[in-house]
């Protein structure tokens, strides 16, 4: 069957959602998604970031849908027409959703390890408002260690429940979940038990914000200072693919993550041994630099067709801040008879 999104027609299989169809098309028509995760079953429908406008239901029933729908849980119909990027109604709705997500979110970007690869940061940049209208007191939580390698910052959590789903589907020892309801909802363990299983580190990768962070990488470096490399090893842990991204600063491996696709989703999950214990270059077969398809502040990963050498001329030591090396300008040396655009420098026409 065929579906049209922002004027672009594509043929999809029955059961395909609007979001999946949009990702097949690619480009700016792809709705943002904070809770949906294609590698995890049962995700989606929670954050409402992926709202779209169905202007034509199908060939059989061409009536438009009266309300915006969540594209991650709405199936395509033959002849359906959808407006995503080109709809002012959708743009306003996404701004409103972004504002709601930021109500309790702290301004931690300068100190958050997720900065630079944060989905909420990207969402705020594209759909956020300049002014914050929420004046009430924000809910606050203390950081909590939920294991020897993972720290939970509930203040940053948007309760997307990805971490709950990944623990449910990768392990049989999930000990955490969503406690309470509504604005009081939080991710925690019932008895503050440590999360201890061989795939717990994947919760860090699937978290769209900085709520779950790698304690071995905390405050070590900003992600854009690291150079990512594809690497692999023969891992003996059942279920681990052994294919990772090494984030290196010089010859030092500062962190290890699973490889992610252009939608910032994990390609294959990895075990804690690969993630936390293998931090030596000799542990890995390095394949080469990893290129990111999606725009990122990790600007050294962008592909450039041409490069230009930039030379900054300065006197020796000027960057050290030494007064003796700074260039001095004397007003007596200025030629006031010199003309700019036909007018003398001291002319009133020059301001």
C-alpha atoms as a PDB file:
ATOM      1  CA  UNK A   1       0.000   0.000   0.000  1.00  0.00           C
ATOM      2  CA  UNK A   2       1.032   3.602  -0.564  1.00  0.00           C
ATOM      3  CA  UNK A   3       1.235   6.506   1.882  1.00  0.00           C
ATOM      4  CA  UNK A   4       2.221  10.118   1.269  1.00  0.00           C
ATOM      5  CA  UNK A   5       4.135  12.129   3.870  1.00  0.00           C
ATOM      6  CA  UNK A   6       4.805  15.821   3.191  1.00  0.00           C
ATOM      7  CA  UNK A   7       4.137  15.239  -0.488  1.00  0.00           C
ATOM      8  CA  UNK A   8       6.527  12.278  -0.745  1.00  0.00           C
ATOM      9  CA  UNK A   9       4.916   8.972  -1.662  1.00  0.00           C
ATOM     10  CA  UNK A  10       6.270   5.651  -0.480  1.00  0.00           C
ATOM     11  CA  UNK A  11       5.078   2.066  -0.663  1.00  0.00           C
ATOM     12  CA  UNK A  12       5.001   0.220   2.652  1.00  0.00           C
ATOM     13  CA  UNK A  13       3.963  -3.172   3.963  1.00  0.00           C
ATOM     14  CA  UNK A  14       0.774  -3.632   5.998  1.00  0.00           C
ATOM     15  CA  UNK A  15       1.368  -2.977   9.688  1.00  0.00           C
ATOM     16  CA  UNK A  16       3.915  -0.220   9.079  1.00  0.00           C
ATOM     17  CA  UNK A  17       3.447   2.815  11.314  1.00  0.00           C
ATOM     18  CA  UNK A  18       3.576   6.391  10.069  1.00  0.00           C
ATOM     19  CA  UNK A  19       6.850   6.959  11.921  1.00  0.00           C
ATOM     20  CA  UNK A  20       8.436   3.912  10.313  1.00  0.00           C
ATOM     21  CA  UNK A  21       7.282   5.091   6.879  1.00  0.00           C
ATOM     22  CA  UNK A  22       8.693   8.564   7.545  1.00  0.00           C
ATOM     23  CA  UNK A  23      12.036   7.053   8.506  1.00  0.00           C
ATOM     24  CA  UNK A  24      12.073   5.165   5.220  1.00  0.00           C
ATOM     25  CA  UNK A  25      11.682   8.492   3.428  1.00  0.00           C
ATOM     26  CA  UNK A  26      14.190  10.257   5.666  1.00  0.00           C
ATOM     27  CA  UNK A  27      15.022  13.940   5.806  1.00  0.00           C
ATOM     28  CA  UNK A  28      13.101  16.588   7.707  1.00  0.00           C
ATOM     29  CA  UNK A  29       9.814  14.715   7.432  1.00  0.00           C
ATOM     30  CA  UNK A  30      10.913  12.272  10.150  1.00  0.00           C
ATOM     31  CA  UNK A  31       9.073  13.145  13.395  1.00  0.00           C
ATOM     32  CA  UNK A  32      11.123  13.315  16.602  1.00  0.00           C
ATOM     33  CA  UNK A  33      10.676  10.401  18.998  1.00  0.00           C
ATOM     34  CA  UNK A  34      11.650  10.360  22.667  1.00  0.00           C
ATOM     35  CA  UNK A  35       9.949   7.166  23.867  1.00  0.00           C
ATOM     36  CA  UNK A  36       9.664   4.958  20.767  1.00  0.00           C
ATOM     37  CA  UNK A  37      12.555   2.553  20.177  1.00  0.00           C
ATOM     38  CA  UNK A  38      12.433   0.249  17.182  1.00  0.00           C
ATOM     39  CA  UNK A  39      14.650  -2.375  18.859  1.00  0.00           C
ATOM     40  CA  UNK A  40      12.304  -2.669  21.850  1.00  0.00           C
ATOM     41  CA  UNK A  41       8.788  -4.081  21.710  1.00  0.00           C
ATOM     42  CA  UNK A  42       5.932  -2.159  23.282  1.00  0.00           C
ATOM     43  CA  UNK A  43       7.584   1.254  23.234  1.00  0.00           C
ATOM     44  CA  UNK A  44       5.933   4.405  21.936  1.00  0.00           C
ATOM     45  CA  UNK A  45       2.814   6.465  22.542  1.00  0.00           C
ATOM     46  CA  UNK A  46       4.039   8.113  25.739  1.00  0.00           C
ATOM     47  CA  UNK A  47       5.924  11.323  24.935  1.00  0.00           C
ATOM     48  CA  UNK A  48       3.685  12.651  22.085  1.00  0.00           C
ATOM     49  CA  UNK A  49       6.689  14.239  20.362  1.00  0.00           C
ATOM     50  CA  UNK A  50       5.949  12.439  17.093  1.00  0.00           C
ATOM     51  CA  UNK A  51       2.509  13.956  16.526  1.00  0.00           C
ATOM     52  CA  UNK A  52       1.498  14.336  12.871  1.00  0.00           C
ATOM     53  CA  UNK A  53      -1.559  15.565  10.994  1.00  0.00           C
ATOM     54  CA  UNK A  54      -3.392  12.939   8.919  1.00  0.00           C
ATOM     55  CA  UNK A  55      -5.050  15.053   6.225  1.00  0.00           C
ATOM     56  CA  UNK A  56      -6.474  12.030   4.397  1.00  0.00           C
ATOM     57  CA  UNK A  57      -7.348   8.820   6.195  1.00  0.00           C
ATOM     58  CA  UNK A  58      -7.243   6.426   3.253  1.00  0.00           C
ATOM     59  CA  UNK A  59      -8.624   5.814  -0.219  1.00  0.00           C
ATOM     60  CA  UNK A  60     -11.596   3.986   1.290  1.00  0.00           C
ATOM     61  CA  UNK A  61     -12.280   6.752   3.827  1.00  0.00           C
ATOM     62  CA  UNK A  62     -10.630  10.019   2.758  1.00  0.00           C
ATOM     63  CA  UNK A  63     -11.842  11.993   5.756  1.00  0.00           C
ATOM     64  CA  UNK A  64      -8.988  13.624   7.718  1.00  0.00           C
ATOM     65  CA  UNK A  65      -8.419  12.606  11.303  1.00  0.00           C
ATOM     66  CA  UNK A  66      -9.821  15.340  13.567  1.00  0.00           C
ATOM     67  CA  UNK A  67      -6.900  15.309  15.996  1.00  0.00           C
ATOM     68  CA  UNK A  68      -3.162  14.989  15.654  1.00  0.00           C
ATOM     69  CA  UNK A  69      -2.025  11.396  16.092  1.00  0.00           C
ATOM     70  CA  UNK A  70       1.112   9.798  17.511  1.00  0.00           C
ATOM     71  CA  UNK A  71       2.928   8.534  14.426  1.00  0.00           C
ATOM     72  CA  UNK A  72       4.807   5.818  16.346  1.00  0.00           C
ATOM     73  CA  UNK A  73       1.623   3.872  17.171  1.00  0.00           C
ATOM     74  CA  UNK A  74      -0.624   4.820  14.240  1.00  0.00           C
ATOM     75  CA  UNK A  75      -0.629   2.385  11.338  1.00  0.00           C
ATOM     76  CA  UNK A  76      -0.525   3.429   7.700  1.00  0.00           C
ATOM     77  CA  UNK A  77      -3.555   2.987   5.451  1.00  0.00           C
ATOM     78  CA  UNK A  78      -3.554   2.708   1.678  1.00  0.00           C
ATOM     79  CA  UNK A  79      -3.820   6.204   0.211  1.00  0.00           C
ATOM     80  CA  UNK A  80      -3.174   7.946   3.537  1.00  0.00           C
ATOM     81  CA  UNK A  81      -1.755  11.472   3.373  1.00  0.00           C
ATOM     82  CA  UNK A  82       0.211  12.885   6.294  1.00  0.00           C
ATOM     83  CA  UNK A  83       1.604  16.331   7.093  1.00  0.00           C
ATOM     84  CA  UNK A  84       4.627  16.399   9.377  1.00  0.00           C
ATOM     85  CA  UNK A  85       7.267  19.042   8.761  1.00  0.00           C
ATOM     86  CA  UNK A  86       4.992  21.125   6.522  1.00  0.00           C
ATOM     87  CA  UNK A  87       2.174  21.550   9.038  1.00  0.00           C
ATOM     88  CA  UNK A  88       1.957  24.657  11.241  1.00  0.00           C
ATOM     89  CA  UNK A  89      -0.486  22.784  13.449  1.00  0.00           C
ATOM     90  CA  UNK A  90       2.062  20.043  14.046  1.00  0.00           C
ATOM     91  CA  UNK A  91       4.833  22.569  14.696  1.00  0.00           C
ATOM     92  CA  UNK A  92       2.793  24.275  17.419  1.00  0.00           C
ATOM     93  CA  UNK A  93       1.924  20.929  19.000  1.00  0.00           C
ATOM     94  CA  UNK A  94       5.580  19.883  19.111  1.00  0.00           C
ATOM     95  CA  UNK A  95       6.494  23.195  20.711  1.00  0.00           C
ATOM     96  CA  UNK A  96       3.872  22.578  23.383  1.00  0.00           C
ATOM     97  CA  UNK A  97       5.079  19.018  24.022  1.00  0.00           C
ATOM     98  CA  UNK A  98       8.678  20.231  24.251  1.00  0.00           C
ATOM     99  CA  UNK A  99       7.627  22.871  26.760  1.00  0.00           C
ATOM    100  CA  UNK A 100       5.911  20.221  28.880  1.00  0.00           C
ATOM    101  CA  UNK A 101       8.984  17.974  28.815  1.00  0.00           C
ATOM    102  CA  UNK A 102      11.119  20.874  30.015  1.00  0.00           C
ATOM    103  CA  UNK A 103       8.832  21.866  32.898  1.00  0.00           C
ATOM    104  CA  UNK A 104      10.774  19.846  35.467  1.00  0.00           C
ATOM    105  CA  UNK A 105      13.972  19.439  33.486  1.00  0.00           C
ATOM    106  CA  UNK A 106      16.960  21.262  35.022  1.00  0.00           C
ATOM    107  CA  UNK A 107      19.339  23.424  33.024  1.00  0.00           C
ATOM    108  CA  UNK A 108      22.159  20.915  33.470  1.00  0.00           C
ATOM    109  CA  UNK A 109      23.492  20.933  29.905  1.00  0.00           C
ATOM    110  CA  UNK A 110      26.807  22.608  30.869  1.00  0.00           C
ATOM    111  CA  UNK A 111      27.580  19.791  33.340  1.00  0.00           C
ATOM    112  CA  UNK A 112      25.583  16.879  31.901  1.00  0.00           C
ATOM    113  CA  UNK A 113      27.548  14.077  30.225  1.00  0.00           C
ATOM    114  CA  UNK A 114      24.715  13.628  27.725  1.00  0.00           C
ATOM    115  CA  UNK A 115      25.170  17.137  26.309  1.00  0.00           C
ATOM    116  CA  UNK A 116      26.044  17.006  22.646  1.00  0.00           C
ATOM    117  CA  UNK A 117      24.192  13.751  21.999  1.00  0.00           C
ATOM    118  CA  UNK A 118      20.974  14.430  23.912  1.00  0.00           C
ATOM    119  CA  UNK A 119      17.667  13.916  22.112  1.00  0.00           C
ATOM    120  CA  UNK A 120      15.919  16.436  24.359  1.00  0.00           C
ATOM    121  CA  UNK A 121      18.630  18.978  23.635  1.00  0.00           C
ATOM    122  CA  UNK A 122      18.083  18.488  19.902  1.00  0.00           C
ATOM    123  CA  UNK A 123      14.310  18.649  20.347  1.00  0.00           C
ATOM    124  CA  UNK A 124      14.598  21.886  22.332  1.00  0.00           C
ATOM    125  CA  UNK A 125      16.861  23.423  19.721  1.00  0.00           C
ATOM    126  CA  UNK A 126      14.388  22.692  16.929  1.00  0.00           C
ATOM    127  CA  UNK A 127      11.023  23.039  18.669  1.00  0.00           C
ATOM    128  CA  UNK A 128      11.712  24.793  21.973  1.00  0.00           C
ATOM    129  CA  UNK A 129      10.555  28.275  22.925  1.00  0.00           C
ATOM    130  CA  UNK A 130      12.875  31.075  23.963  1.00  0.00           C
ATOM    131  CA  UNK A 131      10.954  31.809  27.151  1.00  0.00           C
ATOM    132  CA  UNK A 132       9.963  29.408  29.907  1.00  0.00           C
ATOM    133  CA  UNK A 133       6.485  30.113  31.288  1.00  0.00           C
ATOM    134  CA  UNK A 134       6.549  27.656  34.187  1.00  0.00           C
ATOM    135  CA  UNK A 135       7.005  29.600  37.430  1.00  0.00           C
ATOM    136  CA  UNK A 136       6.110  26.948  40.001  1.00  0.00           C
ATOM    137  CA  UNK A 137       8.658  24.959  41.955  1.00  0.00           C
ATOM    138  CA  UNK A 138      10.152  22.063  40.017  1.00  0.00           C
ATOM    139  CA  UNK A 139      10.181  18.563  41.419  1.00  0.00           C
ATOM    140  CA  UNK A 140      13.635  17.551  42.600  1.00  0.00           C
ATOM    141  CA  UNK A 141      15.403  14.304  43.458  1.00  0.00           C
ATOM    142  CA  UNK A 142      18.842  13.467  44.737  1.00  0.00           C
ATOM    143  CA  UNK A 143      21.175  11.554  42.385  1.00  0.00           C
ATOM    144  CA  UNK A 144      21.048   7.835  43.123  1.00  0.00           C
ATOM    145  CA  UNK A 145      23.596   5.127  42.412  1.00  0.00           C
ATOM    146  CA  UNK A 146      21.686   2.171  40.999  1.00  0.00           C
ATOM    147  CA  UNK A 147      24.806   0.083  40.590  1.00  0.00           C
ATOM    148  CA  UNK A 148      28.552   0.476  40.763  1.00  0.00           C
ATOM    149  CA  UNK A 149      28.671   1.745  37.158  1.00  0.00           C
ATOM    150  CA  UNK A 150      25.393   3.670  36.674  1.00  0.00           C
ATOM    151  CA  UNK A 151      24.006   6.795  38.305  1.00  0.00           C
ATOM    152  CA  UNK A 152      20.378   7.921  38.073  1.00  0.00           C
ATOM    153  CA  UNK A 153      19.520  11.629  37.900  1.00  0.00           C
ATOM    154  CA  UNK A 154      15.755  11.568  38.222  1.00  0.00           C
ATOM    155  CA  UNK A 155      15.589  15.362  37.814  1.00  0.00           C
ATOM    156  CA  UNK A 156      16.442  14.883  34.141  1.00  0.00           C
ATOM    157  CA  UNK A 157      14.157  11.899  33.511  1.00  0.00           C
ATOM    158  CA  UNK A 158      11.168  12.286  31.156  1.00  0.00           C
ATOM    159  CA  UNK A 159       9.721   8.869  32.135  1.00  0.00           C
ATOM    160  CA  UNK A 160       9.929   7.456  28.613  1.00  0.00           C
ATOM    161  CA  UNK A 161      10.328   3.973  30.177  1.00  0.00           C
ATOM    162  CA  UNK A 162      12.923   2.820  27.650  1.00  0.00           C
ATOM    163  CA  UNK A 163      15.215   1.679  30.464  1.00  0.00           C
ATOM    164  CA  UNK A 164      12.409  -0.427  31.924  1.00  0.00           C
ATOM    165  CA  UNK A 165      11.699  -2.072  28.575  1.00  0.00           C
ATOM    166  CA  UNK A 166      15.354  -2.822  27.832  1.00  0.00           C
ATOM    167  CA  UNK A 167      15.726  -4.509  31.222  1.00  0.00           C
ATOM    168  CA  UNK A 168      12.515  -6.461  30.656  1.00  0.00           C
ATOM    169  CA  UNK A 169      13.490  -7.695  27.216  1.00  0.00           C
ATOM    170  CA  UNK A 170      17.221  -8.322  27.633  1.00  0.00           C
ATOM    171  CA  UNK A 171      17.280  -9.827  31.107  1.00  0.00           C
ATOM    172  CA  UNK A 172      15.119 -11.815  33.476  1.00  0.00           C
ATOM    173  CA  UNK A 173      16.262  -9.880  36.531  1.00  0.00           C
ATOM    174  CA  UNK A 174      14.609  -6.469  36.226  1.00  0.00           C
ATOM    175  CA  UNK A 175      14.473  -4.830  39.649  1.00  0.00           C
ATOM    176  CA  UNK A 176      13.443  -1.302  38.678  1.00  0.00           C
ATOM    177  CA  UNK A 177      10.355   0.291  37.200  1.00  0.00           C
ATOM    178  CA  UNK A 178       8.031   3.296  37.342  1.00  0.00           C
ATOM    179  CA  UNK A 179       6.879   4.120  40.847  1.00  0.00           C
ATOM    180  CA  UNK A 180       3.882   6.346  41.687  1.00  0.00           C
ATOM    181  CA  UNK A 181       1.662   8.100  39.157  1.00  0.00           C
ATOM    182  CA  UNK A 182       1.310  11.328  37.182  1.00  0.00           C
ATOM    183  CA  UNK A 183       3.697  14.121  38.116  1.00  0.00           C
ATOM    184  CA  UNK A 184       4.997  11.960  40.970  1.00  0.00           C
ATOM    185  CA  UNK A 185       6.162   9.185  38.629  1.00  0.00           C
ATOM    186  CA  UNK A 186       9.793   8.218  38.956  1.00  0.00           C
ATOM    187  CA  UNK A 187      12.179   5.491  37.873  1.00  0.00           C
ATOM    188  CA  UNK A 188      13.525   3.590  40.852  1.00  0.00           C
ATOM    189  CA  UNK A 189      13.864   0.245  42.557  1.00  0.00           C
ATOM    190  CA  UNK A 190      11.341  -0.656  45.206  1.00  0.00           C
ATOM    191  CA  UNK A 191      13.925  -1.216  47.931  1.00  0.00           C
ATOM    192  CA  UNK A 192      16.795   0.860  46.487  1.00  0.00           C
ATOM    193  CA  UNK A 193      18.420  -2.339  45.276  1.00  0.00           C
ATOM    194  CA  UNK A 194      21.372  -2.130  42.922  1.00  0.00           C
ATOM    195  CA  UNK A 195      20.704  -3.084  39.318  1.00  0.00           C
ATOM    196  CA  UNK A 196      23.056  -5.971  38.719  1.00  0.00           C
ATOM    197  CA  UNK A 197      22.887  -7.833  35.430  1.00  0.00           C
ATOM    198  CA  UNK A 198      25.224  -8.304  32.497  1.00  0.00           C
ATOM    199  CA  UNK A 199      23.278  -5.967  30.184  1.00  0.00           C
ATOM    200  CA  UNK A 200      22.391  -3.145  32.587  1.00  0.00           C
ATOM    201  CA  UNK A 201      24.694  -0.711  30.785  1.00  0.00           C
ATOM    202  CA  UNK A 202      22.343  -0.667  27.806  1.00  0.00           C
ATOM    203  CA  UNK A 203      19.996   1.467  29.881  1.00  0.00           C
ATOM    204  CA  UNK A 204      22.522   4.273  29.429  1.00  0.00           C
ATOM    205  CA  UNK A 205      22.455   3.931  25.648  1.00  0.00           C
ATOM    206  CA  UNK A 206      18.668   3.902  25.287  1.00  0.00           C
ATOM    207  CA  UNK A 207      18.084   6.850  27.641  1.00  0.00           C
ATOM    208  CA  UNK A 208      17.251   9.888  25.461  1.00  0.00           C
ATOM    209  CA  UNK A 209      18.387  12.358  28.130  1.00  0.00           C
ATOM    210  CA  UNK A 210      21.070  12.448  30.822  1.00  0.00           C
ATOM    211  CA  UNK A 211      19.043  10.628  33.463  1.00  0.00           C
ATOM    212  CA  UNK A 212      21.223   7.493  33.335  1.00  0.00           C
ATOM    213  CA  UNK A 213      24.942   8.121  33.039  1.00  0.00           C
ATOM    214  CA  UNK A 214      28.116   6.070  32.967  1.00  0.00           C
ATOM    215  CA  UNK A 215      29.942   6.645  36.262  1.00  0.00           C
ATOM    216  CA  UNK A 216      33.256   5.614  34.694  1.00  0.00           C
ATOM    217  CA  UNK A 217      32.958   8.526  32.223  1.00  0.00           C
ATOM    218  CA  UNK A 218      31.435  11.207  34.464  1.00  0.00           C
ATOM    219  CA  UNK A 219      33.078  14.609  34.006  1.00  0.00           C
ATOM    220  CA  UNK A 220      36.017  13.110  32.113  1.00  0.00           C
ATOM    221  CA  UNK A 221      35.409  14.927  28.856  1.00  0.00           C
ATOM    222  CA  UNK A 222      32.796  16.438  26.585  1.00  0.00           C
ATOM    223  CA  UNK A 223      31.675  14.061  23.854  1.00  0.00           C
ATOM    224  CA  UNK A 224      32.768  16.422  21.086  1.00  0.00           C
ATOM    225  CA  UNK A 225      36.359  16.240  22.344  1.00  0.00           C
ATOM    226  CA  UNK A 226      36.389  12.476  21.765  1.00  0.00           C
ATOM    227  CA  UNK A 227      36.961  10.752  18.445  1.00  0.00           C
ATOM    228  CA  UNK A 228      34.643   7.755  17.843  1.00  0.00           C
ATOM    229  CA  UNK A 229      35.976   4.571  16.253  1.00  0.00           C
ATOM    230  CA  UNK A 230      34.200   1.391  15.203  1.00  0.00           C
ATOM    231  CA  UNK A 231      35.719  -1.658  16.880  1.00  0.00           C
ATOM    232  CA  UNK A 232      34.883  -5.255  17.697  1.00  0.00           C
ATOM    233  CA  UNK A 233      36.068  -8.190  19.764  1.00  0.00           C
ATOM    234  CA  UNK A 234      35.180 -11.849  20.161  1.00  0.00           C
ATOM    235  CA  UNK A 235      32.861 -11.613  23.142  1.00  0.00           C
ATOM    236  CA  UNK A 236      31.819 -14.825  24.876  1.00  0.00           C
ATOM    237  CA  UNK A 237      28.809 -13.333  26.671  1.00  0.00           C
ATOM    238  CA  UNK A 238      25.609 -14.824  25.192  1.00  0.00           C
ATOM    239  CA  UNK A 239      23.582 -12.130  23.450  1.00  0.00           C
ATOM    240  CA  UNK A 240      26.441  -9.653  23.070  1.00  0.00           C
ATOM    241  CA  UNK A 241      27.406  -8.710  19.518  1.00  0.00           C
ATOM    242  CA  UNK A 242      30.876  -7.442  20.484  1.00  0.00           C
ATOM    243  CA  UNK A 243      30.569  -4.521  18.022  1.00  0.00           C
ATOM    244  CA  UNK A 244      31.043  -1.151  19.686  1.00  0.00           C
ATOM    245  CA  UNK A 245      32.016   2.479  19.303  1.00  0.00           C
ATOM    246  CA  UNK A 246      35.193   3.468  21.134  1.00  0.00           C
ATOM    247  CA  UNK A 247      35.285   7.103  22.232  1.00  0.00           C
ATOM    248  CA  UNK A 248      38.950   8.008  22.301  1.00  0.00           C
ATOM    249  CA  UNK A 249      40.947  10.993  23.464  1.00  0.00           C
ATOM    250  CA  UNK A 250      44.339  10.508  21.897  1.00  0.00           C
ATOM    251  CA  UNK A 251      45.266   6.891  22.580  1.00  0.00           C
ATOM    252  CA  UNK A 252      43.014   6.622  25.633  1.00  0.00           C
ATOM    253  CA  UNK A 253      39.630   4.907  25.457  1.00  0.00           C
ATOM    254  CA  UNK A 254      37.429   7.087  27.652  1.00  0.00           C
ATOM    255  CA  UNK A 255      34.187   5.198  27.148  1.00  0.00           C
ATOM    256  CA  UNK A 256      32.639   2.367  25.160  1.00  0.00           C
ATOM    257  CA  UNK A 257      29.098   2.434  23.768  1.00  0.00           C
ATOM    258  CA  UNK A 258      26.986   0.349  21.446  1.00  0.00           C
ATOM    259  CA  UNK A 259      26.894   1.478  17.834  1.00  0.00           C
ATOM    260  CA  UNK A 260      23.954   3.734  17.021  1.00  0.00           C
ATOM    261  CA  UNK A 261      22.136   4.429  13.776  1.00  0.00           C
ATOM    262  CA  UNK A 262      21.069   7.760  12.297  1.00  0.00           C
ATOM    263  CA  UNK A 263      18.032   7.858  14.593  1.00  0.00           C
ATOM    264  CA  UNK A 264      20.259   7.492  17.651  1.00  0.00           C
ATOM    265  CA  UNK A 265      19.099   3.941  18.285  1.00  0.00           C
ATOM    266  CA  UNK A 266      21.379   1.064  19.224  1.00  0.00           C
ATOM    267  CA  UNK A 267      22.145  -1.260  16.308  1.00  0.00           C
ATOM    268  CA  UNK A 268      22.986  -4.218  18.580  1.00  0.00           C
ATOM    269  CA  UNK A 269      23.174  -4.440  22.354  1.00  0.00           C
ATOM    270  CA  UNK A 270      26.445  -5.092  24.180  1.00  0.00           C
ATOM    271  CA  UNK A 271      27.333  -6.580  27.561  1.00  0.00           C
ATOM    272  CA  UNK A 272      28.827  -4.821  30.571  1.00  0.00           C
ATOM    273  CA  UNK A 273      32.164  -6.552  30.058  1.00  0.00           C
ATOM    274  CA  UNK A 274      32.613  -4.865  26.687  1.00  0.00           C
ATOM    275  CA  UNK A 275      31.265  -1.563  27.972  1.00  0.00           C
ATOM    276  CA  UNK A 276      33.013  -1.151  31.306  1.00  0.00           C
ATOM    277  CA  UNK A 277      35.910  -3.610  31.547  1.00  0.00           C
ATOM    278  CA  UNK A 278      37.609  -3.415  28.159  1.00  0.00           C
ATOM    279  CA  UNK A 279      39.228   0.029  28.108  1.00  0.00           C
ATOM    280  CA  UNK A 280      42.589  -0.895  26.584  1.00  0.00           C
ATOM    281  CA  UNK A 281      43.300  -0.464  22.877  1.00  0.00           C
ATOM    282  CA  UNK A 282      44.776  -3.978  22.811  1.00  0.00           C
ATOM    283  CA  UNK A 283      41.366  -5.385  23.774  1.00  0.00           C
ATOM    284  CA  UNK A 284      39.838  -4.362  20.453  1.00  0.00           C
ATOM    285  CA  UNK A 285      40.154  -4.734  16.710  1.00  0.00           C
ATOM    286  CA  UNK A 286      39.717  -1.136  15.563  1.00  0.00           C
ATOM    287  CA  UNK A 287      37.983  -0.883  12.194  1.00  0.00           C
ATOM    288  CA  UNK A 288      38.260   2.863  11.621  1.00  0.00           C
ATOM    289  CA  UNK A 289      36.607   6.222  12.407  1.00  0.00           C
ATOM    290  CA  UNK A 290      32.833   6.201  12.771  1.00  0.00           C
ATOM    291  CA  UNK A 291      30.847   8.667  10.703  1.00  0.00           C
ATOM    292  CA  UNK A 292      27.585  10.095  11.987  1.00  0.00           C
ATOM    293  CA  UNK A 293      24.770  10.524   9.497  1.00  0.00           C
ATOM    294  CA  UNK A 294      22.702  12.768  11.726  1.00  0.00           C
ATOM    295  CA  UNK A 295      23.783  16.350  12.455  1.00  0.00           C
ATOM    296  CA  UNK A 296      25.748  16.468  15.677  1.00  0.00           C
ATOM    297  CA  UNK A 297      27.914  18.802  17.679  1.00  0.00           C
ATOM    298  CA  UNK A 298      30.549  16.092  17.406  1.00  0.00           C
ATOM    299  CA  UNK A 299      31.791  18.111  14.463  1.00  0.00           C
ATOM    300  CA  UNK A 300      34.976  16.160  13.855  1.00  0.00           C
ATOM    301  CA  UNK A 301      32.776  13.338  12.572  1.00  0.00           C
ATOM    302  CA  UNK A 302      31.377  15.373   9.697  1.00  0.00           C
ATOM    303  CA  UNK A 303      32.590  14.650   6.203  1.00  0.00           C
ATOM    304  CA  UNK A 304      34.285  17.496   4.374  1.00  0.00           C
ATOM    305  CA  UNK A 305      34.956  17.490   0.647  1.00  0.00           C
ATOM    306  CA  UNK A 306      37.702  20.104   0.925  1.00  0.00           C
ATOM    307  CA  UNK A 307      39.818  21.447   3.720  1.00  0.00           C
ATOM    308  CA  UNK A 308      41.637  24.733   4.037  1.00  0.00           C
ATOM    309  CA  UNK A 309      44.732  25.361   6.076  1.00  0.00           C
ATOM    310  CA  UNK A 310      44.248  28.283   8.410  1.00  0.00           C
ATOM    311  CA  UNK A 311      47.348  30.150   9.569  1.00  0.00           C
ATOM    312  CA  UNK A 312      47.096  32.619  12.419  1.00  0.00           C
ATOM    313  CA  UNK A 313      50.038  34.988  12.520  1.00  0.00           C
ATOM    314  CA  UNK A 314      50.984  36.348  15.895  1.00  0.00           C
ATOM    315  CA  UNK A 315      54.062  37.361  17.783  1.00  0.00           C
ATOM    316  CA  UNK A 316      55.793  34.743  19.879  1.00  0.00           C
ATOM    317  CA  UNK A 317      54.216  34.395  23.291  1.00  0.00           C
ATOM    318  CA  UNK A 318      51.172  36.546  22.588  1.00  0.00           C
ATOM    319  CA  UNK A 319      48.861  33.658  23.441  1.00  0.00           C
ATOM    320  CA  UNK A 320      50.546  33.433  26.838  1.00  0.00           C
ATOM    321  CA  UNK A 321      49.146  36.852  27.719  1.00  0.00           C
ATOM    322  CA  UNK A 322      52.538  38.488  28.218  1.00  0.00           C
ATOM    323  CA  UNK A 323      52.386  42.274  27.901  1.00  0.00           C
ATOM    324  CA  UNK A 324      55.842  42.455  26.327  1.00  0.00           C
ATOM    325  CA  UNK A 325      54.654  40.330  23.417  1.00  0.00           C
ATOM    326  CA  UNK A 326      51.408  42.153  22.703  1.00  0.00           C
ATOM    327  CA  UNK A 327      51.225  44.435  19.714  1.00  0.00           C
ATOM    328  CA  UNK A 328      50.859  48.062  20.711  1.00  0.00           C
ATOM    329  CA  UNK A 329      48.997  50.616  18.629  1.00  0.00           C
ATOM    330  CA  UNK A 330      49.941  54.274  18.942  1.00  0.00           C
ATOM    331  CA  UNK A 331      47.352  56.880  17.998  1.00  0.00           C
ATOM    332  CA  UNK A 332      50.197  58.986  16.616  1.00  0.00           C
ATOM    333  CA  UNK A 333      50.828  56.354  13.958  1.00  0.00           C
ATOM    334  CA  UNK A 334      47.306  56.583  12.489  1.00  0.00           C
ATOM    335  CA  UNK A 335      47.068  58.468   9.193  1.00  0.00           C
ATOM    336  CA  UNK A 336      43.915  60.529   9.572  1.00  0.00           C
ATOM    337  CA  UNK A 337      44.160  61.637   5.944  1.00  0.00           C
ATOM    338  CA  UNK A 338      43.611  58.049   4.787  1.00  0.00           C
ATOM    339  CA  UNK A 339      40.250  57.649   3.121  1.00  0.00           C
ATOM    340  CA  UNK A 340      37.607  54.951   3.572  1.00  0.00           C
ATOM    341  CA  UNK A 341      35.004  54.791   0.803  1.00  0.00           C
ATOM    342  CA  UNK A 342      36.141  58.204  -0.358  1.00  0.00           C
ATOM    343  CA  UNK A 343      35.838  59.848   3.084  1.00  0.00           C
ATOM    344  CA  UNK A 344      38.673  60.719   5.480  1.00  0.00           C
ATOM    345  CA  UNK A 345      38.943  58.579   8.615  1.00  0.00           C
ATOM    346  CA  UNK A 346      38.118  61.548  10.835  1.00  0.00           C
ATOM    347  CA  UNK A 347      35.063  62.466   8.749  1.00  0.00           C
ATOM    348  CA  UNK A 348      31.711  62.656  10.534  1.00  0.00           C
ATOM    349  CA  UNK A 349      30.286  60.465   7.778  1.00  0.00           C
ATOM    350  CA  UNK A 350      32.276  57.571   9.257  1.00  0.00           C
ATOM    351  CA  UNK A 351      30.409  57.766  12.555  1.00  0.00           C
END
